[in-house]
Amino acid sequence: MFSLPDVILIPVFGNLGLVFFLFVMVSIKRMQAMREGNIATDDLAHKGNEPEASRRWANNLNNQFEVPALFYALIALLYATGSVNWIYVVLAFLFLTGRILHTAVQVSGDNVSLRGKVFTINFCAVTGMWLVFFMDRWFS
């Protein structure tokens, strides 16, 4: 079936799927805004001119290139060094769950407090992964 190193790629593919979904949603929301006359094409060239409906999606898409970069880098290191274990796999799935929840909260409203709480899930997961990685290297 799947080897352990392959299992850790499932959250990677899941997060990549989320990123591609967000690219599509940003495009759809922007086209809707232009069709409804809420924004001109040229307005998209200037940050801050975007209507709220597409801004939420675009902001979330931008977030996918911040903390997730730390996740992708570590997964590549783990995979390349053959260091994948169940702790990393569980934390990787927790990371993906946090990213999905963060997206759902961010695109549905301006509840910054809730968004911060769900962000903490994925932030703690990736931080935990890096701490385990460093501890494995320093203390083995």
C-alpha atoms as a PDB file:
ATOM      1  CA  MET A   1       0.000   0.000   0.000  1.00  0.00           C
ATOM      2  CA  PHE A   2       1.712   3.222   1.214  1.00  0.00           C
ATOM      3  CA  SER A   3       5.097   3.412   2.888  1.00  0.00           C
ATOM      4  CA  LEU A   4       5.479   5.822   5.808  1.00  0.00           C
ATOM      5  CA  PRO A   5       7.474   8.335   3.724  1.00  0.00           C
ATOM      6  CA  ASP A   6       4.666   8.275   1.161  1.00  0.00           C
ATOM      7  CA  VAL A   7       1.975   8.814   3.814  1.00  0.00           C
ATOM      8  CA  ILE A   8       3.549  12.131   4.827  1.00  0.00           C
ATOM      9  CA  LEU A   9       3.073  13.327   1.253  1.00  0.00           C
ATOM     10  CA  ILE A  10      -0.722  13.137   1.633  1.00  0.00           C
ATOM     11  CA  PRO A  11      -0.877  16.369   3.718  1.00  0.00           C
ATOM     12  CA  VAL A  12       1.536  17.972   1.231  1.00  0.00           C
ATOM     13  CA  PHE A  13      -0.759  17.095  -1.675  1.00  0.00           C
ATOM     14  CA  GLY A  14      -3.742  18.218   0.413  1.00  0.00           C
ATOM     15  CA  ASN A  15      -2.192  21.616   1.050  1.00  0.00           C
ATOM     16  CA  LEU A  16      -1.201  21.952  -2.598  1.00  0.00           C
ATOM     17  CA  GLY A  17      -4.801  21.135  -3.509  1.00  0.00           C
ATOM     18  CA  LEU A  18      -5.918  23.903  -1.171  1.00  0.00           C
ATOM     19  CA  VAL A  19      -3.539  26.350  -2.873  1.00  0.00           C
ATOM     20  CA  PHE A  20      -4.813  25.447  -6.353  1.00  0.00           C
ATOM     21  CA  PHE A  21      -8.409  25.722  -5.099  1.00  0.00           C
ATOM     22  CA  LEU A  22      -7.630  29.200  -3.746  1.00  0.00           C
ATOM     23  CA  PHE A  23      -6.114  30.307  -7.066  1.00  0.00           C
ATOM     24  CA  VAL A  24      -9.333  29.246  -8.791  1.00  0.00           C
ATOM     25  CA  MET A  25     -11.544  30.936  -6.178  1.00  0.00           C
ATOM     26  CA  VAL A  26      -9.581  34.207  -6.345  1.00  0.00           C
ATOM     27  CA  SER A  27     -10.002  34.213 -10.130  1.00  0.00           C
ATOM     28  CA  ILE A  28     -13.724  33.456  -9.874  1.00  0.00           C
ATOM     29  CA  LYS A  29     -14.314  36.127  -7.218  1.00  0.00           C
ATOM     30  CA  ARG A  30     -12.376  38.726  -9.201  1.00  0.00           C
ATOM     31  CA  MET A  31     -14.252  37.927 -12.410  1.00  0.00           C
ATOM     32  CA  GLN A  32     -17.555  38.197 -10.535  1.00  0.00           C
ATOM     33  CA  ALA A  33     -16.518  41.573  -9.108  1.00  0.00           C
ATOM     34  CA  MET A  34     -15.565  42.852 -12.563  1.00  0.00           C
ATOM     35  CA  ARG A  35     -18.778  41.521 -14.109  1.00  0.00           C
ATOM     36  CA  GLU A  36     -20.825  43.229 -11.378  1.00  0.00           C
ATOM     37  CA  GLY A  37     -18.929  46.484 -11.905  1.00  0.00           C
ATOM     38  CA  ASN A  38     -17.409  46.477  -8.404  1.00  0.00           C
ATOM     39  CA  ILE A  39     -13.880  46.778  -9.764  1.00  0.00           C
ATOM     40  CA  ALA A  40     -12.111  47.605 -12.992  1.00  0.00           C
ATOM     41  CA  THR A  41      -9.395  45.337 -14.342  1.00  0.00           C
ATOM     42  CA  ASP A  42      -6.775  48.049 -13.784  1.00  0.00           C
ATOM     43  CA  ASP A  43      -7.779  48.315 -10.118  1.00  0.00           C
ATOM     44  CA  LEU A  44      -6.402  44.830  -9.495  1.00  0.00           C
ATOM     45  CA  ALA A  45      -2.917  46.161 -10.214  1.00  0.00           C
ATOM     46  CA  HIS A  46      -3.055  48.233  -7.024  1.00  0.00           C
ATOM     47  CA  LYS A  47      -3.155  46.547  -3.656  1.00  0.00           C
ATOM     48  CA  GLY A  48      -6.056  47.700  -1.540  1.00  0.00           C
ATOM     49  CA  ASN A  49      -8.483  48.344  -4.397  1.00  0.00           C
ATOM     50  CA  GLU A  50      -9.973  44.871  -4.341  1.00  0.00           C
ATOM     51  CA  PRO A  51     -13.585  44.339  -3.227  1.00  0.00           C
ATOM     52  CA  GLU A  52     -14.112  42.460   0.014  1.00  0.00           C
ATOM     53  CA  ALA A  53     -15.509  39.336  -1.662  1.00  0.00           C
ATOM     54  CA  SER A  54     -12.285  38.667  -3.551  1.00  0.00           C
ATOM     55  CA  ARG A  55      -9.948  40.311  -1.029  1.00  0.00           C
ATOM     56  CA  ARG A  56     -10.624  37.642   1.597  1.00  0.00           C
ATOM     57  CA  TRP A  57      -9.744  34.873  -0.848  1.00  0.00           C
ATOM     58  CA  ALA A  58      -6.668  36.709  -2.162  1.00  0.00           C
ATOM     59  CA  ASN A  59      -5.407  37.344   1.375  1.00  0.00           C
ATOM     60  CA  ASN A  60      -5.809  33.687   2.249  1.00  0.00           C
ATOM     61  CA  LEU A  61      -3.972  32.677  -0.912  1.00  0.00           C
ATOM     62  CA  ASN A  62      -1.107  34.985   0.099  1.00  0.00           C
ATOM     63  CA  ASN A  63      -1.042  33.294   3.522  1.00  0.00           C
ATOM     64  CA  GLN A  64      -0.339  29.974   1.785  1.00  0.00           C
ATOM     65  CA  PHE A  65       3.158  31.209   0.950  1.00  0.00           C
ATOM     66  CA  GLU A  66       4.135  32.113   4.500  1.00  0.00           C
ATOM     67  CA  VAL A  67       4.099  29.401   7.220  1.00  0.00           C
ATOM     68  CA  PRO A  68       3.470  26.608   4.677  1.00  0.00           C
ATOM     69  CA  ALA A  69       6.922  27.304   3.212  1.00  0.00           C
ATOM     70  CA  LEU A  70       8.375  26.051   6.512  1.00  0.00           C
ATOM     71  CA  PHE A  71       6.208  22.936   6.202  1.00  0.00           C
ATOM     72  CA  TYR A  72       7.285  22.172   2.634  1.00  0.00           C
ATOM     73  CA  ALA A  73      10.962  22.688   3.454  1.00  0.00           C
ATOM     74  CA  LEU A  74      10.826  20.296   6.380  1.00  0.00           C
ATOM     75  CA  ILE A  75       8.894  17.646   4.473  1.00  0.00           C
ATOM     76  CA  ALA A  76      11.538  17.784   1.732  1.00  0.00           C
ATOM     77  CA  LEU A  77      14.296  17.352   4.350  1.00  0.00           C
ATOM     78  CA  LEU A  78      12.478  14.491   6.049  1.00  0.00           C
ATOM     79  CA  TYR A  79      11.770  12.730   2.788  1.00  0.00           C
ATOM     80  CA  ALA A  80      15.300  13.211   1.428  1.00  0.00           C
ATOM     81  CA  THR A  81      16.975  11.991   4.611  1.00  0.00           C
ATOM     82  CA  GLY A  82      14.605   9.078   5.209  1.00  0.00           C
ATOM     83  CA  SER A  83      13.667  10.540   8.594  1.00  0.00           C
ATOM     84  CA  VAL A  84       9.879  10.303   8.348  1.00  0.00           C
ATOM     85  CA  ASN A  85       8.218   8.791  11.412  1.00  0.00           C
ATOM     86  CA  TRP A  86       4.673   8.705  12.794  1.00  0.00           C
ATOM     87  CA  ILE A  87       5.188  11.845  14.902  1.00  0.00           C
ATOM     88  CA  TYR A  88       5.866  13.851  11.744  1.00  0.00           C
ATOM     89  CA  VAL A  89       2.953  12.232   9.923  1.00  0.00           C
ATOM     90  CA  VAL A  90       0.475  13.068  12.692  1.00  0.00           C
ATOM     91  CA  LEU A  91       1.765  16.637  12.946  1.00  0.00           C
ATOM     92  CA  ALA A  92       1.622  17.007   9.144  1.00  0.00           C
ATOM     93  CA  PHE A  93      -2.050  16.001   9.128  1.00  0.00           C
ATOM     94  CA  LEU A  94      -2.672  18.400  12.020  1.00  0.00           C
ATOM     95  CA  PHE A  95      -0.957  21.129   9.993  1.00  0.00           C
ATOM     96  CA  LEU A  96      -3.203  20.454   6.995  1.00  0.00           C
ATOM     97  CA  THR A  97      -6.300  20.467   9.205  1.00  0.00           C
ATOM     98  CA  GLY A  98      -5.259  23.833  10.633  1.00  0.00           C
ATOM     99  CA  ARG A  99      -4.686  25.274   7.148  1.00  0.00           C
ATOM    100  CA  ILE A 100      -8.120  24.157   5.971  1.00  0.00           C
ATOM    101  CA  LEU A 101      -9.809  25.578   9.082  1.00  0.00           C
ATOM    102  CA  HIS A 102      -7.848  28.813   8.729  1.00  0.00           C
ATOM    103  CA  THR A 103      -9.018  29.156   5.136  1.00  0.00           C
ATOM    104  CA  ALA A 104     -12.646  28.507   6.087  1.00  0.00           C
ATOM    105  CA  VAL A 105     -12.549  31.119   8.848  1.00  0.00           C
ATOM    106  CA  GLN A 106     -10.664  33.743   6.838  1.00  0.00           C
ATOM    107  CA  VAL A 107     -12.843  33.620   3.728  1.00  0.00           C
ATOM    108  CA  SER A 108     -16.105  33.571   5.687  1.00  0.00           C
ATOM    109  CA  GLY A 109     -15.686  36.696   7.798  1.00  0.00           C
ATOM    110  CA  ASP A 110     -13.532  39.009   9.849  1.00  0.00           C
ATOM    111  CA  ASN A 111     -13.407  37.065  13.106  1.00  0.00           C
ATOM    112  CA  VAL A 112      -9.741  37.762  13.789  1.00  0.00           C
ATOM    113  CA  SER A 113      -9.842  36.105  17.206  1.00  0.00           C
ATOM    114  CA  LEU A 114     -11.099  32.799  15.780  1.00  0.00           C
ATOM    115  CA  ARG A 115      -8.705  33.067  12.853  1.00  0.00           C
ATOM    116  CA  GLY A 116      -5.830  33.459  15.297  1.00  0.00           C
ATOM    117  CA  LYS A 117      -6.937  30.379  17.204  1.00  0.00           C
ATOM    118  CA  VAL A 118      -7.136  28.174  14.117  1.00  0.00           C
ATOM    119  CA  PHE A 119      -3.838  29.609  12.855  1.00  0.00           C
ATOM    120  CA  THR A 120      -2.304  28.442  16.123  1.00  0.00           C
ATOM    121  CA  ILE A 121      -3.156  24.837  15.183  1.00  0.00           C
ATOM    122  CA  ASN A 122      -1.032  24.811  12.055  1.00  0.00           C
ATOM    123  CA  PHE A 123       1.650  27.043  13.539  1.00  0.00           C
ATOM    124  CA  CYS A 124       2.100  24.740  16.538  1.00  0.00           C
ATOM    125  CA  ALA A 125       2.094  21.676  14.286  1.00  0.00           C
ATOM    126  CA  VAL A 126       4.870  22.961  12.032  1.00  0.00           C
ATOM    127  CA  THR A 127       6.819  24.335  14.995  1.00  0.00           C
ATOM    128  CA  GLY A 128       6.509  20.943  16.700  1.00  0.00           C
ATOM    129  CA  MET A 129       7.742  19.222  13.561  1.00  0.00           C
ATOM    130  CA  TRP A 130      10.817  21.446  13.423  1.00  0.00           C
ATOM    131  CA  LEU A 131      11.510  20.980  17.151  1.00  0.00           C
ATOM    132  CA  VAL A 132      11.350  17.188  16.788  1.00  0.00           C
ATOM    133  CA  PHE A 133      13.624  17.417  13.750  1.00  0.00           C
ATOM    134  CA  PHE A 134      16.194  19.526  15.622  1.00  0.00           C
ATOM    135  CA  MET A 135      16.026  17.305  18.710  1.00  0.00           C
ATOM    136  CA  ASP A 136      16.511  14.194  16.564  1.00  0.00           C
ATOM    137  CA  ARG A 137      19.629  15.768  15.086  1.00  0.00           C
ATOM    138  CA  TRP A 138      21.092  17.190  18.295  1.00  0.00           C
ATOM    139  CA  PHE A 139      20.386  14.318  20.666  1.00  0.00           C
ATOM    140  CA  SER A 140      20.846  11.221  18.536  1.00  0.00           C
END
